Amino acid sequence: MQATRPLLFKGFIGRSVDELKRLSNIAFKLEGIKGPQGPYLLHDFRSPAGVQDCKVMSDVEIGGYSNANLDWVTSPSPTSGAQPPSPHSPGYARFHGTISTQLPKNRPDIKRTGYAAFRTRDRPPTIFGRSLWNIDPYVYLALRVKSDGRSYFVNVQTESVVPTDLHQHRLFVKKPGEWETVLIKWNDFVRTNYGRVVEPQTEIMRQKVKSIGVGLTDRIEGPFELCIERIWATNDESEADSVVEVSNSKEGELKTKKGQKISWGS
């Protein structure tokens, strides 16, 4: 509609100005030489806009019966006795729903259901071109989460030659039911395609990260709930309650083309 053009134009200019400020700040602090001076926020769920900028998916799209929701929740007041995600955090996202492995009745071609996920939407362009995250200067991906303990995966999508490729890693938590900050090494993500490990493995295109999300594919029927406050890149291990080390991790659900489960330490 014609009336929306000024808003779109203003948004484009505003995004371009923000990107110029970010690049200027990097140059001013000589981060290209000294390295980054602090964390790099990738996605923030501390306001409702963080939820609106995400896409929710489930097997409903192929006729399945799982359901998934991503809601914004206001943080509890300090007097309520509940544990807030972070000091002074106004809110967070709640990824929740129910997993069902029931197959669609009228789709004999569908042999497997029972999944739900969300991811950040593609970021709109700026005057500098397509908006992508450059996480090359950072060692870790950090997530502030409260998990129910189910086997969630962190999914990273890049501007790859194969659009359906994902880089995945299990979201291992140590304190189910409590807020914690988990760090995962970017180099430990595994390249997959439609849930299968791709060979040969290639590293994440670190300068062209397109989206980040979380999925649940354990196919265990019943309710699930994962709360998440923010996602960022960092080099500081002291930010974490736990750092995921592949040598200490368990076997996951990811499989090779031969059907063999992979271990994160392999």
Foldseek 3Di string as FASTA:
>chain_A
DVVCVVVVVVVQAVVQVVVVVVVVVCVVVVCVPVNDPWWFFDAFFLDVVSQVQKDKDFCVVVVDDWDKDKDKDAFDDPVVVDDGLDPPRGIWIKIKTWFDFDDHPPCPVDDTGTKIKMKGHFDDAYPVGGDFAQLPRFFKKKWWKAFQQAWKKKWWAFPDPDRQKIFIDTPDDDDHRDIWMEIETQQLTFIDGPLEGDPPTDGDPNGTTGMIMMMHDPNDTTMTIMITGGMITHHDPVRGPYYDDQVPDAFDPRYHPVRHTDGSVD
